[in-house]
All heavy atoms as atom14 arrays in JSON, in Angstrom:
{
  "sequence": "DQMLPLATKERIDFLPHYDTLVKSGMYEYY",
  "atom14_mask": [
    [1, 1, 1, 1, 1, 1, 1, 1, 0, 0, 0, 0, 0, 0],
    [1, 1, 1, 1, 1, 1, 1, 1, 1, 0, 0, 0, 0, 0],
    [1, 1, 1, 1, 1, 1, 1, 1, 0, 0, 0, 0, 0, 0],
    [1, 1, 1, 1, 1, 1, 1, 1, 0, 0, 0, 0, 0, 0],
    [1, 1, 1, 1, 1, 1, 1, 0, 0, 0, 0, 0, 0, 0],
    [1, 1, 1, 1, 1, 1, 1, 1, 0, 0, 0, 0, 0, 0],
    [1, 1, 1, 1, 1, 0, 0, 0, 0, 0, 0, 0, 0, 0],
    [1, 1, 1, 1, 1, 1, 1, 0, 0, 0, 0, 0, 0, 0],
    [1, 1, 1, 1, 1, 1, 1, 1, 1, 0, 0, 0, 0, 0],
    [1, 1, 1, 1, 1, 1, 1, 1, 1, 0, 0, 0, 0, 0],
    [1, 1, 1, 1, 1, 1, 1, 1, 1, 1, 1, 0, 0, 0],
    [1, 1, 1, 1, 1, 1, 1, 1, 0, 0, 0, 0, 0, 0],
    [1, 1, 1, 1, 1, 1, 1, 1, 0, 0, 0, 0, 0, 0],
    [1, 1, 1, 1, 1, 1, 1, 1, 1, 1, 1, 0, 0, 0],
    [1, 1, 1, 1, 1, 1, 1, 1, 0, 0, 0, 0, 0, 0],
    [1, 1, 1, 1, 1, 1, 1, 0, 0, 0, 0, 0, 0, 0],
    [1, 1, 1, 1, 1, 1, 1, 1, 1, 1, 0, 0, 0, 0],
    [1, 1, 1, 1, 1, 1, 1, 1, 1, 1, 1, 1, 0, 0],
    [1, 1, 1, 1, 1, 1, 1, 1, 0, 0, 0, 0, 0, 0],
    [1, 1, 1, 1, 1, 1, 1, 0, 0, 0, 0, 0, 0, 0],
    [1, 1, 1, 1, 1, 1, 1, 1, 0, 0, 0, 0, 0, 0],
    [1, 1, 1, 1, 1, 1, 1, 0, 0, 0, 0, 0, 0, 0],
    [1, 1, 1, 1, 1, 1, 1, 1, 1, 0, 0, 0, 0, 0],
    [1, 1, 1, 1, 1, 1, 0, 0, 0, 0, 0, 0, 0, 0],
    [1, 1, 1, 1, 0, 0, 0, 0, 0, 0, 0, 0, 0, 0],
    [1, 1, 1, 1, 1, 1, 1, 1, 0, 0, 0, 0, 0, 0],
    [1, 1, 1, 1, 1, 1, 1, 1, 1, 1, 1, 1, 0, 0],
    [1, 1, 1, 1, 1, 1, 1, 1, 1, 0, 0, 0, 0, 0],
    [1, 1, 1, 1, 1, 1, 1, 1, 1, 1, 1, 1, 0, 0],
    [1, 1, 1, 1, 1, 1, 1, 1, 1, 1, 1, 1, 0, 0]
  ],
  "atom14_positions": [
    [[20.15, -22.98, 42.95], [19.93, -23.25, 44.37], [19.24, -22.11, 45.1], [19.26, -22.05, 46.32], [21.25, -23.59, 45.05], [22.28, -22.46, 44.9], [21.99, -21.48, 44.2], [23.37, -22.58, 45.49], [0.0, 0.0, 0.0], [0.0, 0.0, 0.0], [0.0, 0.0, 0.0], [0.0, 0.0, 0.0], [0.0, 0.0, 0.0], [0.0, 0.0, 0.0]],
    [[18.6, -21.19, 44.36], [17.91, -20.08, 45.0], [16.75, -20.57, 45.85], [16.02, -21.5, 45.47], [17.38, -19.1, 43.94], [16.55, -17.96, 44.51], [15.86, -17.15, 43.43], [16.27, -17.17, 42.27], [14.8, -16.44, 43.79], [0.0, 0.0, 0.0], [0.0, 0.0, 0.0], [0.0, 0.0, 0.0], [0.0, 0.0, 0.0], [0.0, 0.0, 0.0]],
    [[16.57, -19.97, 47.02], [15.41, -20.28, 47.85], [14.16, -19.75, 47.17], [14.15, -18.63, 46.64], [15.56, -19.65, 49.24], [16.72, -20.18, 50.05], [16.48, -21.89, 50.6], [15.22, -21.65, 51.83], [0.0, 0.0, 0.0], [0.0, 0.0, 0.0], [0.0, 0.0, 0.0], [0.0, 0.0, 0.0], [0.0, 0.0, 0.0], [0.0, 0.0, 0.0]],
    [[13.08, -20.53, 47.19], [11.83, -20.06, 46.59], [11.25, -18.93, 47.43], [11.14, -19.05, 48.64], [10.82, -21.21, 46.5], [11.19, -22.37, 45.57], [10.11, -23.43, 45.61], [11.4, -21.88, 44.15], [0.0, 0.0, 0.0], [0.0, 0.0, 0.0], [0.0, 0.0, 0.0], [0.0, 0.0, 0.0], [0.0, 0.0, 0.0], [0.0, 0.0, 0.0]],
    [[10.85, -17.81, 46.8], [10.34, -16.67, 47.57], [8.94, -16.9, 48.15], [8.54, -16.21, 49.06], [10.32, -15.53, 46.54], [10.18, -16.22, 45.22], [10.94, -17.51, 45.37], [0.0, 0.0, 0.0], [0.0, 0.0, 0.0], [0.0, 0.0, 0.0], [0.0, 0.0, 0.0], [0.0, 0.0, 0.0], [0.0, 0.0, 0.0], [0.0, 0.0, 0.0]],
    [[8.21, -17.88, 47.62], [6.88, -18.18, 48.13], [6.49, -19.58, 47.68], [7.16, -20.18, 46.85], [5.85, -17.16, 47.65], [5.4, -17.2, 46.17], [4.17, -16.32, 46.01], [6.5, -16.69, 45.24], [0.0, 0.0, 0.0], [0.0, 0.0, 0.0], [0.0, 0.0, 0.0], [0.0, 0.0, 0.0], [0.0, 0.0, 0.0], [0.0, 0.0, 0.0]],
    [[5.4, -20.08, 48.26], [4.95, -21.42, 47.92], [4.42, -21.46, 46.49], [3.85, -20.49, 46.0], [3.86, -21.87, 48.89], [0.0, 0.0, 0.0], [0.0, 0.0, 0.0], [0.0, 0.0, 0.0], [0.0, 0.0, 0.0], [0.0, 0.0, 0.0], [0.0, 0.0, 0.0], [0.0, 0.0, 0.0], [0.0, 0.0, 0.0], [0.0, 0.0, 0.0]],
    [[4.63, -22.57, 45.82], [4.11, -22.76, 44.47], [3.1, -23.91, 44.48], [3.13, -24.76, 45.36], [5.24, -23.08, 43.47], [5.83, -24.34, 43.83], [6.3, -22.0, 43.48], [0.0, 0.0, 0.0], [0.0, 0.0, 0.0], [0.0, 0.0, 0.0], [0.0, 0.0, 0.0], [0.0, 0.0, 0.0], [0.0, 0.0, 0.0], [0.0, 0.0, 0.0]],
    [[2.22, -23.93, 43.49], [1.22, -25.0, 43.38], [1.29, -25.61, 41.99], [1.54, -24.93, 41.01], [-0.19, -24.46, 43.63], [-0.49, -24.13, 45.08], [-1.97, -23.8, 45.27], [-2.29, -23.56, 46.74], [-3.74, -23.28, 46.96], [0.0, 0.0, 0.0], [0.0, 0.0, 0.0], [0.0, 0.0, 0.0], [0.0, 0.0, 0.0], [0.0, 0.0, 0.0]],
    [[1.05, -26.91, 41.93], [1.03, -27.62, 40.66], [-0.11, -28.62, 40.7], [-0.18, -29.46, 41.6], [2.36, -28.35, 40.43], [2.41, -29.13, 39.13], [3.76, -29.82, 38.92], [4.54, -29.88, 39.88], [4.02, -30.27, 37.81], [0.0, 0.0, 0.0], [0.0, 0.0, 0.0], [0.0, 0.0, 0.0], [0.0, 0.0, 0.0], [0.0, 0.0, 0.0]],
    [[-1.03, -28.55, 39.76], [-2.15, -29.46, 39.72], [-1.76, -30.73, 38.96], [-1.13, -30.66, 37.91], [-3.37, -28.81, 39.05], [-4.61, -29.71, 39.07], [-5.83, -28.98, 38.52], [-6.99, -29.83, 38.54], [-7.8, -30.01, 39.57], [-7.54, -29.38, 40.7], [-8.86, -30.8, 39.52], [0.0, 0.0, 0.0], [0.0, 0.0, 0.0], [0.0, 0.0, 0.0]],
    [[-2.12, -31.87, 39.51], [-1.83, -33.15, 38.88], [-3.1, -33.66, 38.23], [-4.14, -33.8, 38.89], [-1.33, -34.17, 39.92], [-0.03, -33.68, 40.57], [-1.1, -35.53, 39.28], [0.43, -34.53, 41.72], [0.0, 0.0, 0.0], [0.0, 0.0, 0.0], [0.0, 0.0, 0.0], [0.0, 0.0, 0.0], [0.0, 0.0, 0.0], [0.0, 0.0, 0.0]],
    [[-3.06, -33.92, 36.94], [-4.24, -34.39, 36.21], [-4.03, -35.83, 35.75], [-3.06, -36.13, 35.04], [-4.51, -33.5, 34.99], [-4.98, -32.11, 35.4], [-5.86, -32.01, 36.28], [-4.46, -31.14, 34.84], [0.0, 0.0, 0.0], [0.0, 0.0, 0.0], [0.0, 0.0, 0.0], [0.0, 0.0, 0.0], [0.0, 0.0, 0.0], [0.0, 0.0, 0.0]],
    [[-4.91, -36.71, 36.16], [-4.92, -38.07, 35.65], [-6.32, -38.62, 35.86], [-7.08, -38.11, 36.68], [-3.86, -38.96, 36.32], [-4.08, -39.16, 37.8], [-4.74, -40.29, 38.27], [-3.62, -38.24, 38.72], [-4.94, -40.48, 39.62], [-3.81, -38.43, 40.07], [-4.47, -39.55, 40.53], [0.0, 0.0, 0.0], [0.0, 0.0, 0.0], [0.0, 0.0, 0.0]],
    [[-6.68, -39.64, 35.12], [-8.03, -40.18, 35.18], [-7.99, -41.67, 35.5], [-7.87, -42.5, 34.6], [-8.75, -39.94, 33.84], [-10.23, -40.33, 33.8], [-11.03, -39.47, 34.78], [-10.78, -40.15, 32.38], [0.0, 0.0, 0.0], [0.0, 0.0, 0.0], [0.0, 0.0, 0.0], [0.0, 0.0, 0.0], [0.0, 0.0, 0.0], [0.0, 0.0, 0.0]],
    [[-8.06, -42.03, 36.78], [-8.09, -43.45, 37.13], [-9.49, -44.01, 36.93], [-10.46, -43.26, 36.87], [-7.73, -43.44, 38.62], [-8.29, -42.15, 39.11], [-8.13, -41.17, 37.97], [0.0, 0.0, 0.0], [0.0, 0.0, 0.0], [0.0, 0.0, 0.0], [0.0, 0.0, 0.0], [0.0, 0.0, 0.0], [0.0, 0.0, 0.0], [0.0, 0.0, 0.0]],
    [[-9.59, -45.31, 36.84], [-10.9, -45.94, 36.85], [-11.53, -45.68, 38.21], [-10.85, -45.75, 39.24], [-10.77, -47.44, 36.6], [-12.1, -48.12, 36.36], [-12.94, -48.46, 37.39], [-12.71, -48.49, 35.22], [-14.03, -49.03, 36.9], [-13.92, -49.06, 35.58], [0.0, 0.0, 0.0], [0.0, 0.0, 0.0], [0.0, 0.0, 0.0], [0.0, 0.0, 0.0]],
    [[-12.81, -45.36, 38.25], [-13.42, -44.95, 39.52], [-13.32, -46.04, 40.58], [-13.28, -45.76, 41.78], [-14.89, -44.55, 39.31], [-15.78, -45.64, 38.78], [-16.41, -46.52, 39.64], [-16.0, -45.78, 37.4], [-17.24, -47.52, 39.16], [-16.81, -46.78, 36.91], [-17.44, -47.64, 37.79], [-18.25, -48.63, 37.3], [0.0, 0.0, 0.0], [0.0, 0.0, 0.0]],
    [[-13.28, -47.31, 40.16], [-13.19, -48.39, 41.14], [-11.92, -48.31, 41.97], [-11.9, -48.72, 43.14], [-13.25, -49.75, 40.45], [-14.69, -50.17, 40.17], [-15.6, -49.51, 40.69], [-14.88, -51.15, 39.43], [0.0, 0.0, 0.0], [0.0, 0.0, 0.0], [0.0, 0.0, 0.0], [0.0, 0.0, 0.0], [0.0, 0.0, 0.0], [0.0, 0.0, 0.0]],
    [[-10.83, -47.79, 41.36], [-9.56, -47.76, 42.1], [-9.63, -46.82, 43.28], [-8.85, -46.95, 44.22], [-8.39, -47.34, 41.19], [-8.64, -46.02, 40.68], [-8.21, -48.31, 40.04], [0.0, 0.0, 0.0], [0.0, 0.0, 0.0], [0.0, 0.0, 0.0], [0.0, 0.0, 0.0], [0.0, 0.0, 0.0], [0.0, 0.0, 0.0], [0.0, 0.0, 0.0]],
    [[-10.55, -45.86, 43.24], [-10.72, -44.97, 44.39], [-11.91, -45.38, 45.24], [-11.81, -45.52, 46.45], [-10.9, -43.52, 43.93], [-11.09, -42.53, 45.08], [-9.8, -42.44, 45.89], [-11.47, -41.17, 44.59], [0.0, 0.0, 0.0], [0.0, 0.0, 0.0], [0.0, 0.0, 0.0], [0.0, 0.0, 0.0], [0.0, 0.0, 0.0], [0.0, 0.0, 0.0]],
    [[-13.04, -45.61, 44.59], [-14.27, -45.89, 45.34], [-14.14, -47.18, 46.15], [-14.54, -47.27, 47.3], [-15.48, -45.96, 44.38], [-16.73, -46.36, 45.14], [-15.68, -44.6, 43.71], [0.0, 0.0, 0.0], [0.0, 0.0, 0.0], [0.0, 0.0, 0.0], [0.0, 0.0, 0.0], [0.0, 0.0, 0.0], [0.0, 0.0, 0.0], [0.0, 0.0, 0.0]],
    [[-13.54, -48.21, 45.53], [-13.38, -49.48, 46.24], [-12.12, -49.47, 47.1], [-12.09, -50.08, 48.16], [-13.37, -50.64, 45.25], [-14.73, -50.8, 44.55], [-14.76, -52.03, 43.67], [-16.14, -52.2, 43.03], [-16.22, -53.36, 42.14], [0.0, 0.0, 0.0], [0.0, 0.0, 0.0], [0.0, 0.0, 0.0], [0.0, 0.0, 0.0], [0.0, 0.0, 0.0]],
    [[-11.08, -48.81, 46.62], [-9.91, -48.51, 47.44], [-9.38, -49.69, 48.24], [-9.12, -49.6, 49.43], [-10.23, -47.36, 48.4], [-10.66, -46.22, 47.71], [0.0, 0.0, 0.0], [0.0, 0.0, 0.0], [0.0, 0.0, 0.0], [0.0, 0.0, 0.0], [0.0, 0.0, 0.0], [0.0, 0.0, 0.0], [0.0, 0.0, 0.0], [0.0, 0.0, 0.0]],
    [[-9.22, -50.81, 47.58], [-8.69, -51.97, 48.28], [-9.69, -52.67, 49.18], [-9.32, -53.52, 49.98], [0.0, 0.0, 0.0], [0.0, 0.0, 0.0], [0.0, 0.0, 0.0], [0.0, 0.0, 0.0], [0.0, 0.0, 0.0], [0.0, 0.0, 0.0], [0.0, 0.0, 0.0], [0.0, 0.0, 0.0], [0.0, 0.0, 0.0], [0.0, 0.0, 0.0]],
    [[-10.97, -52.3, 49.07], [-11.97, -52.87, 49.97], [-12.02, -54.39, 49.85], [-12.15, -55.11, 50.84], [-13.36, -52.29, 49.67], [-13.51, -50.83, 50.05], [-13.38, -50.58, 51.82], [-13.79, -48.84, 51.93], [0.0, 0.0, 0.0], [0.0, 0.0, 0.0], [0.0, 0.0, 0.0], [0.0, 0.0, 0.0], [0.0, 0.0, 0.0], [0.0, 0.0, 0.0]],
    [[-11.91, -54.89, 48.61], [-12.02, -56.34, 48.44], [-10.91, -57.03, 49.23], [-11.13, -57.99, 49.96], [-11.93, -56.73, 46.97], [-11.82, -58.23, 46.77], [-12.95, -59.05, 46.88], [-10.59, -58.82, 46.53], [-12.85, -60.41, 46.74], [-10.48, -60.2, 46.39], [-11.61, -60.99, 46.5], [-11.51, -62.34, 46.37], [0.0, 0.0, 0.0], [0.0, 0.0, 0.0]],
    [[-9.67, -56.5, 49.07], [-8.55, -57.13, 49.75], [-8.72, -57.06, 51.27], [-8.48, -58.03, 51.99], [-7.23, -56.44, 49.34], [-6.81, -56.7, 47.9], [-7.44, -55.71, 46.92], [-8.36, -54.97, 47.34], [-7.02, -55.69, 45.76], [0.0, 0.0, 0.0], [0.0, 0.0, 0.0], [0.0, 0.0, 0.0], [0.0, 0.0, 0.0], [0.0, 0.0, 0.0]],
    [[-9.15, -55.9, 51.78], [-9.25, -55.75, 53.22], [-10.41, -56.55, 53.8], [-10.27, -57.18, 54.85], [-9.39, -54.27, 53.58], [-8.1, -53.5, 53.38], [-8.01, -52.46, 52.47], [-6.95, -53.86, 54.09], [-6.82, -51.78, 52.28], [-5.76, -53.18, 53.91], [-5.7, -52.14, 53.01], [-4.52, -51.48, 52.82], [0.0, 0.0, 0.0], [0.0, 0.0, 0.0]],
    [[-11.56, -56.54, 53.13], [-12.69, -57.27, 53.67], [-12.57, -58.78, 53.43], [-13.33, -59.56, 54.0], [-14.0, -56.73, 53.09], [-14.39, -55.41, 53.69], [-14.78, -54.34, 52.88], [-14.38, -55.21, 55.06], [-15.13, -53.11, 53.42], [-14.72, -53.98, 55.62], [-15.1, -52.94, 54.81], [-15.43, -51.73, 55.34], [0.0, 0.0, 0.0], [0.0, 0.0, 0.0]]
  ]
}
């Protein structure tokens, strides 16, 4: 339960299909 002495960073790596970001629900919304 020690308090963290400073902020930490963690990089998240994953590879989605580009359509899931570029289109980003556009079909559903439009």
